[in-house]
N, C-alpha and C. Protein backbone atom coordinates (compact mmCIF):
# COMPACT_ATOMS: atom_id res chain seq x y z
N UNK A 1 -12.58 -21.82 -0.25
CA UNK A 1 -11.41 -21.52 0.55
C UNK A 1 -11.87 -21.27 1.99
N UNK A 2 -11.14 -21.79 2.94
CA UNK A 2 -11.51 -21.63 4.34
C UNK A 2 -11.39 -20.17 4.78
N UNK A 3 -12.25 -19.81 5.73
CA UNK A 3 -12.25 -18.43 6.23
C UNK A 3 -10.91 -18.06 6.87
N UNK A 4 -10.32 -18.99 7.59
CA UNK A 4 -9.03 -18.72 8.25
C UNK A 4 -7.94 -18.48 7.20
N UNK A 5 -7.97 -19.25 6.14
CA UNK A 5 -6.99 -19.08 5.06
C UNK A 5 -7.15 -17.73 4.38
N UNK A 6 -8.38 -17.36 4.10
CA UNK A 6 -8.64 -16.06 3.46
C UNK A 6 -8.19 -14.93 4.37
N UNK A 7 -8.50 -15.03 5.66
CA UNK A 7 -8.10 -13.98 6.60
C UNK A 7 -6.57 -13.88 6.70
N UNK A 8 -5.89 -15.01 6.76
CA UNK A 8 -4.43 -15.00 6.79
C UNK A 8 -3.83 -14.37 5.54
N UNK A 9 -4.40 -14.71 4.39
CA UNK A 9 -3.98 -14.14 3.13
C UNK A 9 -4.20 -12.63 3.13
N UNK A 10 -5.36 -12.22 3.60
CA UNK A 10 -5.70 -10.78 3.65
C UNK A 10 -4.73 -10.03 4.56
N UNK A 11 -4.42 -10.60 5.71
CA UNK A 11 -3.47 -9.94 6.63
C UNK A 11 -2.09 -9.83 6.00
N UNK A 12 -1.64 -10.88 5.34
CA UNK A 12 -0.33 -10.84 4.69
C UNK A 12 -0.29 -9.77 3.60
N UNK A 13 -1.36 -9.68 2.82
CA UNK A 13 -1.41 -8.67 1.76
C UNK A 13 -1.50 -7.25 2.31
N UNK A 14 -2.09 -7.10 3.50
CA UNK A 14 -2.31 -5.77 4.08
C UNK A 14 -1.07 -5.21 4.76
N UNK A 15 -0.02 -5.99 4.91
CA UNK A 15 1.17 -5.50 5.62
C UNK A 15 1.84 -4.33 4.91
N UNK A 16 1.91 -4.37 3.59
CA UNK A 16 2.48 -3.23 2.86
C UNK A 16 1.62 -1.98 3.05
N UNK A 17 0.30 -2.16 2.99
CA UNK A 17 -0.62 -1.02 3.19
C UNK A 17 -0.45 -0.46 4.59
N UNK A 18 -0.30 -1.34 5.58
CA UNK A 18 -0.10 -0.90 6.96
C UNK A 18 1.18 -0.08 7.08
N UNK A 19 2.27 -0.59 6.51
CA UNK A 19 3.56 0.11 6.61
C UNK A 19 3.51 1.48 5.94
N UNK A 20 2.88 1.55 4.78
CA UNK A 20 2.76 2.83 4.08
C UNK A 20 1.86 3.78 4.88
N UNK A 21 0.77 3.27 5.42
CA UNK A 21 -0.14 4.10 6.22
C UNK A 21 0.56 4.61 7.47
N UNK A 22 1.40 3.81 8.07
CA UNK A 22 2.19 4.22 9.23
C UNK A 22 3.05 5.42 8.86
N UNK A 23 3.68 5.33 7.71
CA UNK A 23 4.51 6.42 7.21
C UNK A 23 3.69 7.68 6.93
N UNK A 24 2.58 7.50 6.22
CA UNK A 24 1.75 8.65 5.86
C UNK A 24 1.16 9.30 7.11
N UNK A 25 0.70 8.50 8.06
CA UNK A 25 0.17 9.04 9.31
C UNK A 25 1.20 9.86 10.05
N UNK A 26 2.45 9.40 10.01
CA UNK A 26 3.52 10.15 10.67
C UNK A 26 3.89 11.41 9.93
N UNK A 27 3.86 11.37 8.63
CA UNK A 27 4.22 12.54 7.83
C UNK A 27 3.16 13.63 7.95
N UNK A 28 1.90 13.23 7.92
CA UNK A 28 0.82 14.22 7.97
C UNK A 28 0.67 14.84 9.35
N UNK A 29 1.07 14.13 10.37
CA UNK A 29 0.97 14.69 11.73
C UNK A 29 -0.45 14.78 12.21
N UNK A 30 -1.05 15.93 12.11
CA UNK A 30 -2.43 16.11 12.56
C UNK A 30 -3.37 15.23 11.76
N UNK A 31 -3.92 14.24 12.40
CA UNK A 31 -4.74 13.25 11.71
C UNK A 31 -6.18 13.72 11.67
N UNK A 32 -6.67 13.94 10.47
CA UNK A 32 -8.06 14.32 10.32
C UNK A 32 -8.80 13.22 9.57
N UNK A 33 -10.11 13.33 9.55
CA UNK A 33 -10.94 12.29 8.96
C UNK A 33 -10.69 12.11 7.46
N UNK A 34 -10.64 13.20 6.72
CA UNK A 34 -10.57 13.10 5.26
C UNK A 34 -9.34 12.37 4.74
N UNK A 35 -8.12 12.75 5.14
CA UNK A 35 -6.97 12.00 4.61
C UNK A 35 -6.96 10.54 5.07
N UNK A 36 -7.40 10.31 6.30
CA UNK A 36 -7.45 8.94 6.81
C UNK A 36 -8.44 8.12 6.00
N UNK A 37 -9.62 8.69 5.75
CA UNK A 37 -10.63 7.99 4.97
C UNK A 37 -10.16 7.76 3.54
N UNK A 38 -9.55 8.79 2.92
CA UNK A 38 -9.08 8.65 1.54
C UNK A 38 -8.09 7.50 1.41
N UNK A 39 -7.12 7.46 2.32
CA UNK A 39 -6.10 6.43 2.23
C UNK A 39 -6.70 5.05 2.49
N UNK A 40 -7.51 4.92 3.53
CA UNK A 40 -8.13 3.63 3.85
C UNK A 40 -9.05 3.18 2.72
N UNK A 41 -9.83 4.09 2.18
CA UNK A 41 -10.75 3.74 1.09
C UNK A 41 -9.99 3.27 -0.14
N UNK A 42 -8.97 4.03 -0.55
CA UNK A 42 -8.23 3.68 -1.75
C UNK A 42 -7.43 2.39 -1.57
N UNK A 43 -6.75 2.24 -0.45
CA UNK A 43 -6.01 1.01 -0.23
C UNK A 43 -6.95 -0.19 -0.19
N UNK A 44 -8.07 -0.05 0.51
CA UNK A 44 -9.06 -1.13 0.57
C UNK A 44 -9.64 -1.44 -0.80
N UNK A 45 -9.97 -0.39 -1.54
CA UNK A 45 -10.57 -0.57 -2.87
C UNK A 45 -9.58 -1.25 -3.82
N UNK A 46 -8.34 -0.78 -3.84
CA UNK A 46 -7.35 -1.38 -4.73
C UNK A 46 -7.04 -2.82 -4.31
N UNK A 47 -6.98 -3.06 -2.99
CA UNK A 47 -6.73 -4.43 -2.52
C UNK A 47 -7.91 -5.34 -2.87
N UNK A 48 -9.12 -4.80 -2.93
CA UNK A 48 -10.28 -5.56 -3.38
C UNK A 48 -10.23 -5.78 -4.89
N UNK A 49 -9.93 -4.75 -5.64
CA UNK A 49 -10.02 -4.81 -7.09
C UNK A 49 -8.90 -5.57 -7.77
N UNK A 50 -7.70 -5.51 -7.23
CA UNK A 50 -6.57 -6.17 -7.90
C UNK A 50 -6.74 -7.69 -7.99
N UNK A 51 -7.20 -8.38 -6.94
CA UNK A 51 -7.41 -9.82 -7.12
C UNK A 51 -8.47 -10.12 -8.17
N UNK A 52 -9.49 -9.27 -8.25
CA UNK A 52 -10.53 -9.46 -9.26
C UNK A 52 -9.93 -9.30 -10.66
N UNK A 53 -9.08 -8.27 -10.85
CA UNK A 53 -8.41 -8.09 -12.14
C UNK A 53 -7.49 -9.26 -12.45
N UNK A 54 -6.74 -9.69 -11.44
CA UNK A 54 -5.83 -10.83 -11.64
C UNK A 54 -6.60 -12.10 -11.99
N UNK A 55 -7.71 -12.29 -11.35
CA UNK A 55 -8.55 -13.45 -11.62
C UNK A 55 -9.07 -13.40 -13.05
N UNK A 56 -9.52 -12.21 -13.46
CA UNK A 56 -10.05 -12.05 -14.81
C UNK A 56 -8.97 -12.27 -15.87
N UNK A 57 -7.77 -11.84 -15.56
CA UNK A 57 -6.67 -12.03 -16.51
C UNK A 57 -6.36 -13.51 -16.70
N UNK A 58 -6.57 -14.26 -15.62
CA UNK A 58 -6.39 -15.71 -15.71
C UNK A 58 -5.02 -16.13 -16.17
N UNK A 59 -4.97 -17.19 -16.86
CA UNK A 59 -3.70 -17.77 -17.30
C UNK A 59 -3.07 -17.02 -18.46
N UNK A 60 -3.84 -16.29 -19.25
CA UNK A 60 -3.31 -15.65 -20.45
C UNK A 60 -2.24 -14.61 -20.15
N UNK A 61 -2.44 -13.82 -19.10
CA UNK A 61 -1.48 -12.76 -18.80
C UNK A 61 -0.63 -13.07 -17.58
N UNK A 62 -0.76 -14.26 -17.03
CA UNK A 62 -0.06 -14.59 -15.79
C UNK A 62 1.45 -14.41 -15.90
N UNK A 63 2.04 -14.88 -16.98
CA UNK A 63 3.49 -14.77 -17.13
C UNK A 63 3.97 -13.34 -17.22
N UNK A 64 3.26 -12.51 -17.96
CA UNK A 64 3.67 -11.11 -18.11
C UNK A 64 3.55 -10.36 -16.79
N UNK A 65 2.40 -10.49 -16.12
CA UNK A 65 2.19 -9.77 -14.87
C UNK A 65 3.18 -10.22 -13.81
N UNK A 66 3.40 -11.53 -13.72
CA UNK A 66 4.35 -12.05 -12.74
C UNK A 66 5.75 -11.52 -13.03
N UNK A 67 6.05 -11.28 -14.29
CA UNK A 67 7.38 -10.81 -14.67
C UNK A 67 7.66 -9.35 -14.39
N UNK A 68 6.63 -8.51 -14.38
CA UNK A 68 6.86 -7.07 -14.22
C UNK A 68 6.18 -6.45 -13.00
N UNK A 69 5.27 -7.15 -12.36
CA UNK A 69 4.52 -6.58 -11.25
C UNK A 69 5.39 -6.07 -10.13
N UNK A 70 6.41 -6.85 -9.77
CA UNK A 70 7.29 -6.42 -8.68
C UNK A 70 8.12 -5.20 -9.08
N UNK A 71 8.45 -5.07 -10.36
CA UNK A 71 9.18 -3.89 -10.82
C UNK A 71 8.30 -2.64 -10.75
N UNK A 72 7.03 -2.79 -11.06
CA UNK A 72 6.09 -1.66 -10.97
C UNK A 72 5.98 -1.20 -9.52
N UNK A 73 5.77 -2.13 -8.60
CA UNK A 73 5.66 -1.78 -7.18
C UNK A 73 6.95 -1.14 -6.68
N UNK A 74 8.09 -1.71 -7.03
CA UNK A 74 9.38 -1.17 -6.64
C UNK A 74 9.54 0.27 -7.14
N UNK A 75 9.28 0.48 -8.43
CA UNK A 75 9.45 1.81 -9.02
C UNK A 75 8.57 2.86 -8.37
N UNK A 76 7.30 2.52 -8.15
CA UNK A 76 6.38 3.49 -7.55
C UNK A 76 6.80 3.82 -6.11
N UNK A 77 7.12 2.81 -5.32
CA UNK A 77 7.50 3.07 -3.92
C UNK A 77 8.80 3.85 -3.82
N UNK A 78 9.78 3.51 -4.63
CA UNK A 78 11.05 4.24 -4.59
C UNK A 78 10.84 5.68 -5.05
N UNK A 79 10.07 5.88 -6.10
CA UNK A 79 9.81 7.23 -6.60
C UNK A 79 9.15 8.09 -5.52
N UNK A 80 8.12 7.58 -4.89
CA UNK A 80 7.42 8.35 -3.86
C UNK A 80 8.31 8.51 -2.62
N UNK A 81 9.06 7.47 -2.26
CA UNK A 81 9.97 7.57 -1.11
C UNK A 81 11.05 8.61 -1.31
N UNK A 82 11.66 8.62 -2.48
CA UNK A 82 12.70 9.61 -2.79
C UNK A 82 12.09 11.01 -2.80
N UNK A 83 10.88 11.13 -3.35
CA UNK A 83 10.19 12.43 -3.35
C UNK A 83 10.00 12.92 -1.91
N UNK A 84 9.62 12.01 -1.01
CA UNK A 84 9.45 12.40 0.40
C UNK A 84 10.78 12.82 1.01
N UNK A 85 11.86 12.12 0.68
CA UNK A 85 13.17 12.47 1.22
C UNK A 85 13.61 13.85 0.73
N UNK A 86 13.39 14.13 -0.54
CA UNK A 86 13.75 15.44 -1.10
C UNK A 86 12.93 16.53 -0.44
N UNK A 87 11.62 16.27 -0.29
CA UNK A 87 10.74 17.29 0.30
C UNK A 87 10.96 17.46 1.80
N UNK A 88 11.57 16.49 2.46
CA UNK A 88 11.75 16.60 3.91
C UNK A 88 12.62 17.80 4.27
N UNK A 89 13.58 18.12 3.44
CA UNK A 89 14.40 19.29 3.70
C UNK A 89 13.73 20.58 3.28
N UNK A 90 12.76 20.52 2.40
CA UNK A 90 12.09 21.71 1.90
C UNK A 90 10.94 22.15 2.80
N UNK A 91 10.43 21.28 3.61
CA UNK A 91 9.27 21.60 4.45
C UNK A 91 9.59 22.75 5.40
N UNK A 92 10.75 22.69 6.02
CA UNK A 92 11.11 23.74 6.97
C UNK A 92 11.29 25.08 6.27
N UNK A 93 11.87 25.04 5.06
CA UNK A 93 12.14 26.28 4.34
C UNK A 93 10.88 26.88 3.74
N UNK A 94 10.05 26.06 3.14
CA UNK A 94 8.90 26.57 2.42
C UNK A 94 7.65 26.57 3.29
N UNK A 95 7.55 25.61 4.21
CA UNK A 95 6.38 25.52 5.07
C UNK A 95 5.21 24.82 4.41
N UNK A 96 5.46 24.17 3.26
CA UNK A 96 4.40 23.47 2.53
C UNK A 96 4.80 22.01 2.40
N UNK A 97 3.81 21.13 2.52
CA UNK A 97 4.04 19.70 2.42
C UNK A 97 3.04 19.11 1.44
N UNK A 98 3.50 18.19 0.61
CA UNK A 98 2.61 17.48 -0.30
C UNK A 98 1.82 16.45 0.50
N UNK A 99 0.53 16.40 0.28
CA UNK A 99 -0.33 15.43 0.96
C UNK A 99 -0.33 14.14 0.15
N UNK A 100 0.27 13.05 0.70
CA UNK A 100 0.33 11.80 -0.06
C UNK A 100 -1.02 11.09 -0.18
N UNK A 101 -2.08 11.67 0.42
CA UNK A 101 -3.41 11.06 0.29
C UNK A 101 -4.22 11.74 -0.81
N UNK A 102 -3.54 12.45 -1.68
CA UNK A 102 -4.21 13.14 -2.79
C UNK A 102 -3.47 12.88 -4.09
N UNK A 103 -4.20 12.97 -5.18
CA UNK A 103 -3.62 12.96 -6.52
C UNK A 103 -2.87 11.69 -6.88
N UNK A 104 -1.81 11.92 -7.68
CA UNK A 104 -1.05 10.79 -8.21
C UNK A 104 -0.28 10.05 -7.13
N UNK A 105 0.10 10.72 -6.06
CA UNK A 105 0.77 10.02 -4.97
C UNK A 105 -0.15 8.95 -4.38
N UNK A 106 -1.41 9.30 -4.20
CA UNK A 106 -2.39 8.35 -3.66
C UNK A 106 -2.58 7.18 -4.61
N UNK A 107 -2.70 7.45 -5.89
CA UNK A 107 -2.88 6.38 -6.88
C UNK A 107 -1.63 5.50 -6.92
N UNK A 108 -0.47 6.12 -6.93
CA UNK A 108 0.79 5.35 -6.96
C UNK A 108 0.94 4.46 -5.75
N UNK A 109 0.66 5.00 -4.57
CA UNK A 109 0.75 4.19 -3.36
C UNK A 109 -0.28 3.06 -3.37
N UNK A 110 -1.47 3.35 -3.86
CA UNK A 110 -2.54 2.33 -3.92
C UNK A 110 -2.15 1.19 -4.84
N UNK A 111 -1.60 1.51 -5.99
CA UNK A 111 -1.17 0.47 -6.92
C UNK A 111 0.01 -0.31 -6.34
N UNK A 112 0.99 0.42 -5.81
CA UNK A 112 2.20 -0.24 -5.30
C UNK A 112 1.89 -1.21 -4.16
N UNK A 113 0.95 -0.86 -3.31
CA UNK A 113 0.65 -1.73 -2.17
C UNK A 113 -0.30 -2.86 -2.53
N UNK A 114 -0.83 -2.87 -3.75
CA UNK A 114 -1.81 -3.90 -4.11
C UNK A 114 -1.37 -4.80 -5.26
N UNK A 115 -0.15 -4.64 -5.75
CA UNK A 115 0.31 -5.48 -6.86
C UNK A 115 0.34 -6.95 -6.45
N UNK A 116 0.71 -7.24 -5.22
CA UNK A 116 0.72 -8.64 -4.75
C UNK A 116 -0.69 -9.24 -4.80
N UNK A 117 -1.70 -8.41 -4.55
CA UNK A 117 -3.08 -8.90 -4.59
C UNK A 117 -3.47 -9.30 -6.02
N UNK A 118 -2.88 -8.66 -7.01
CA UNK A 118 -3.11 -9.05 -8.40
C UNK A 118 -2.61 -10.47 -8.62
N UNK A 119 -1.42 -10.76 -8.11
CA UNK A 119 -0.86 -12.11 -8.24
C UNK A 119 -1.71 -13.14 -7.50
N UNK A 120 -2.27 -12.75 -6.37
CA UNK A 120 -3.16 -13.66 -5.63
C UNK A 120 -4.39 -13.98 -6.47
N UNK A 121 -4.95 -12.99 -7.14
CA UNK A 121 -6.09 -13.22 -8.02
C UNK A 121 -5.74 -14.20 -9.13
N UNK A 122 -4.56 -14.04 -9.72
CA UNK A 122 -4.10 -14.98 -10.75
C UNK A 122 -4.01 -16.39 -10.18
N UNK A 123 -3.46 -16.50 -8.97
CA UNK A 123 -3.31 -17.81 -8.34
C UNK A 123 -4.66 -18.45 -8.08
N UNK A 124 -5.61 -17.66 -7.61
CA UNK A 124 -6.95 -18.20 -7.35
C UNK A 124 -7.61 -18.68 -8.64
N UNK A 125 -7.36 -17.99 -9.74
CA UNK A 125 -7.91 -18.42 -11.03
C UNK A 125 -7.29 -19.75 -11.45
N UNK A 126 -5.99 -19.89 -11.23
CA UNK A 126 -5.29 -21.11 -11.63
C UNK A 126 -5.81 -22.32 -10.87
N UNK A 127 -6.08 -22.15 -9.57
CA UNK A 127 -6.55 -23.29 -8.77
C UNK A 127 -8.06 -23.44 -8.79
N UNK A 128 -8.75 -22.53 -9.47
CA UNK A 128 -10.20 -22.64 -9.63
C UNK A 128 -11.01 -22.24 -8.41
N UNK A 129 -10.48 -21.39 -7.57
CA UNK A 129 -11.20 -20.92 -6.38
C UNK A 129 -12.06 -19.71 -6.74
N UNK A 130 -13.06 -19.46 -5.91
CA UNK A 130 -13.89 -18.27 -6.08
C UNK A 130 -13.14 -17.01 -5.70
N UNK A 131 -13.52 -15.90 -6.29
CA UNK A 131 -12.78 -14.65 -6.09
C UNK A 131 -13.50 -13.65 -5.21
N UNK A 132 -14.83 -13.63 -5.22
CA UNK A 132 -15.56 -12.53 -4.59
C UNK A 132 -15.40 -12.49 -3.08
N UNK A 133 -15.58 -13.61 -2.41
CA UNK A 133 -15.45 -13.61 -0.94
C UNK A 133 -14.03 -13.22 -0.53
N UNK A 134 -13.05 -13.80 -1.20
CA UNK A 134 -11.66 -13.48 -0.88
C UNK A 134 -11.37 -12.00 -1.11
N UNK A 135 -11.84 -11.45 -2.22
CA UNK A 135 -11.57 -10.04 -2.53
C UNK A 135 -12.20 -9.10 -1.53
N UNK A 136 -13.42 -9.39 -1.10
CA UNK A 136 -14.09 -8.53 -0.11
C UNK A 136 -13.31 -8.55 1.20
N UNK A 137 -12.91 -9.72 1.65
CA UNK A 137 -12.16 -9.82 2.91
C UNK A 137 -10.81 -9.12 2.77
N UNK A 138 -10.13 -9.32 1.66
CA UNK A 138 -8.83 -8.67 1.42
C UNK A 138 -8.97 -7.15 1.46
N UNK A 139 -10.00 -6.62 0.81
CA UNK A 139 -10.22 -5.18 0.79
C UNK A 139 -10.55 -4.62 2.16
N UNK A 140 -11.41 -5.30 2.91
CA UNK A 140 -11.78 -4.82 4.25
C UNK A 140 -10.60 -4.86 5.21
N UNK A 141 -9.84 -5.94 5.18
CA UNK A 141 -8.67 -6.03 6.06
C UNK A 141 -7.65 -4.96 5.71
N UNK A 142 -7.44 -4.70 4.43
CA UNK A 142 -6.49 -3.65 4.03
C UNK A 142 -6.95 -2.28 4.52
N UNK A 143 -8.24 -2.01 4.41
CA UNK A 143 -8.77 -0.72 4.89
C UNK A 143 -8.58 -0.59 6.40
N UNK A 144 -8.87 -1.64 7.15
CA UNK A 144 -8.71 -1.60 8.61
C UNK A 144 -7.24 -1.47 9.01
N UNK A 145 -6.37 -2.18 8.34
CA UNK A 145 -4.93 -2.08 8.65
C UNK A 145 -4.40 -0.69 8.28
N UNK A 146 -4.96 -0.09 7.26
CA UNK A 146 -4.56 1.27 6.88
C UNK A 146 -4.97 2.26 7.96
N UNK A 147 -6.19 2.12 8.47
CA UNK A 147 -6.64 2.98 9.58
C UNK A 147 -5.72 2.84 10.78
N UNK A 148 -5.40 1.60 11.12
CA UNK A 148 -4.51 1.35 12.26
C UNK A 148 -3.13 1.97 12.02
N UNK A 149 -2.62 1.81 10.82
CA UNK A 149 -1.31 2.39 10.49
C UNK A 149 -1.30 3.90 10.58
N UNK A 150 -2.37 4.54 10.13
CA UNK A 150 -2.47 6.00 10.21
C UNK A 150 -2.45 6.47 11.67
N UNK A 151 -3.20 5.80 12.52
CA UNK A 151 -3.27 6.19 13.93
C UNK A 151 -1.91 5.98 14.61
N UNK A 152 -1.29 4.83 14.37
CA UNK A 152 0.02 4.57 14.98
C UNK A 152 1.09 5.53 14.43
N UNK A 153 1.00 5.85 13.14
CA UNK A 153 1.95 6.80 12.55
C UNK A 153 1.87 8.17 13.19
N UNK A 154 0.67 8.59 13.49
CA UNK A 154 0.49 9.89 14.16
C UNK A 154 1.15 9.87 15.53
N UNK A 155 0.99 8.76 16.25
CA UNK A 155 1.61 8.65 17.57
C UNK A 155 3.12 8.62 17.48
N UNK A 156 3.65 7.95 16.46
CA UNK A 156 5.11 7.92 16.27
C UNK A 156 5.65 9.30 15.96
N UNK A 157 4.87 10.09 15.25
CA UNK A 157 5.31 11.45 14.90
C UNK A 157 5.55 12.27 16.17
N UNK A 158 4.73 12.03 17.16
CA UNK A 158 4.92 12.77 18.42
C UNK A 158 6.29 12.50 19.02
N UNK A 159 6.79 11.27 18.88
CA UNK A 159 8.09 10.95 19.47
C UNK A 159 9.24 11.24 18.50
N UNK A 160 9.01 11.10 17.20
CA UNK A 160 10.08 11.30 16.22
C UNK A 160 10.13 12.72 15.66
N UNK A 161 9.03 13.43 15.75
CA UNK A 161 8.99 14.80 15.26
C UNK A 161 9.20 14.90 13.77
N UNK A 162 9.99 15.87 13.35
CA UNK A 162 10.17 16.15 11.92
C UNK A 162 10.98 15.06 11.22
N UNK A 163 11.65 14.19 11.97
CA UNK A 163 12.41 13.11 11.35
C UNK A 163 11.50 12.04 10.76
N UNK A 164 10.20 12.12 11.06
CA UNK A 164 9.26 11.11 10.58
C UNK A 164 9.20 11.10 9.06
N UNK A 165 9.29 12.24 8.41
CA UNK A 165 9.23 12.27 6.95
C UNK A 165 10.45 11.60 6.35
N UNK A 166 11.61 11.81 6.93
CA UNK A 166 12.82 11.13 6.46
C UNK A 166 12.68 9.63 6.69
N UNK A 167 12.23 9.24 7.87
CA UNK A 167 12.02 7.82 8.16
C UNK A 167 10.99 7.22 7.21
N UNK A 168 9.94 7.98 6.91
CA UNK A 168 8.91 7.50 6.00
C UNK A 168 9.44 7.29 4.59
N UNK A 169 10.22 8.23 4.10
CA UNK A 169 10.80 8.09 2.77
C UNK A 169 11.72 6.88 2.69
N UNK A 170 12.55 6.71 3.71
CA UNK A 170 13.45 5.55 3.76
C UNK A 170 12.64 4.26 3.83
N UNK A 171 11.57 4.25 4.63
CA UNK A 171 10.73 3.06 4.76
C UNK A 171 10.09 2.69 3.42
N UNK A 172 9.58 3.66 2.68
CA UNK A 172 8.98 3.36 1.39
C UNK A 172 10.01 2.78 0.41
N UNK A 173 11.21 3.35 0.41
CA UNK A 173 12.26 2.81 -0.46
C UNK A 173 12.60 1.39 -0.04
N UNK A 174 12.70 1.13 1.27
CA UNK A 174 13.01 -0.21 1.75
C UNK A 174 11.91 -1.22 1.41
N UNK A 175 10.65 -0.80 1.51
CA UNK A 175 9.55 -1.69 1.12
C UNK A 175 9.66 -2.02 -0.37
N UNK A 176 9.98 -1.02 -1.19
CA UNK A 176 10.17 -1.26 -2.62
C UNK A 176 11.30 -2.23 -2.89
N UNK A 177 12.42 -2.06 -2.20
CA UNK A 177 13.57 -2.96 -2.36
C UNK A 177 13.19 -4.37 -1.90
N UNK A 178 12.46 -4.47 -0.78
CA UNK A 178 12.02 -5.76 -0.28
C UNK A 178 11.15 -6.48 -1.31
N UNK A 179 10.22 -5.77 -1.91
CA UNK A 179 9.35 -6.37 -2.94
C UNK A 179 10.19 -6.86 -4.11
N UNK A 180 11.16 -6.06 -4.51
CA UNK A 180 12.02 -6.46 -5.63
C UNK A 180 12.85 -7.70 -5.28
N UNK A 181 13.43 -7.72 -4.10
CA UNK A 181 14.25 -8.85 -3.69
C UNK A 181 13.44 -10.11 -3.45
N UNK A 182 12.19 -9.93 -3.02
CA UNK A 182 11.31 -11.06 -2.76
C UNK A 182 11.04 -11.84 -4.05
N UNK A 183 11.07 -11.15 -5.18
CA UNK A 183 10.80 -11.81 -6.46
C UNK A 183 12.09 -12.05 -7.19
């Protein structure tokens, strides 16, 4: 596969990770190394690993994964988005915020943003292309786009203030709906 094609594919797959990172960066506000690294590492790792899993599954599971993958991504994004919307009103009252770069939220976001990469791995297996080079590029681009999203999200928070969590929750739900409608 040509390098330009792989890079274009990687950028397309990284757009969901970028959008989620933009939201998380805005919600967290003060951007520190650890949450930024956790999100970039996990998104990059999942974006690397999902095509490999899809490739390994090959033709045997292609129909099943293609049939439910978009529902999984939709469910996870809507669940986390609604959770953010509910918590947005509680932050002022309680003064505590859930860190989406930890625990099950991090795993859910990582899976939801990388389900498309699983389908790409299946596609590469069907056409007989190699997986390793593509997966490494996909993972690295996702990690870099996640870093960029976190930084831009922090800057948006400065202008949007506390409304960023509401905007973030709505954005996650919309990304989930977009994934569902796309399939």
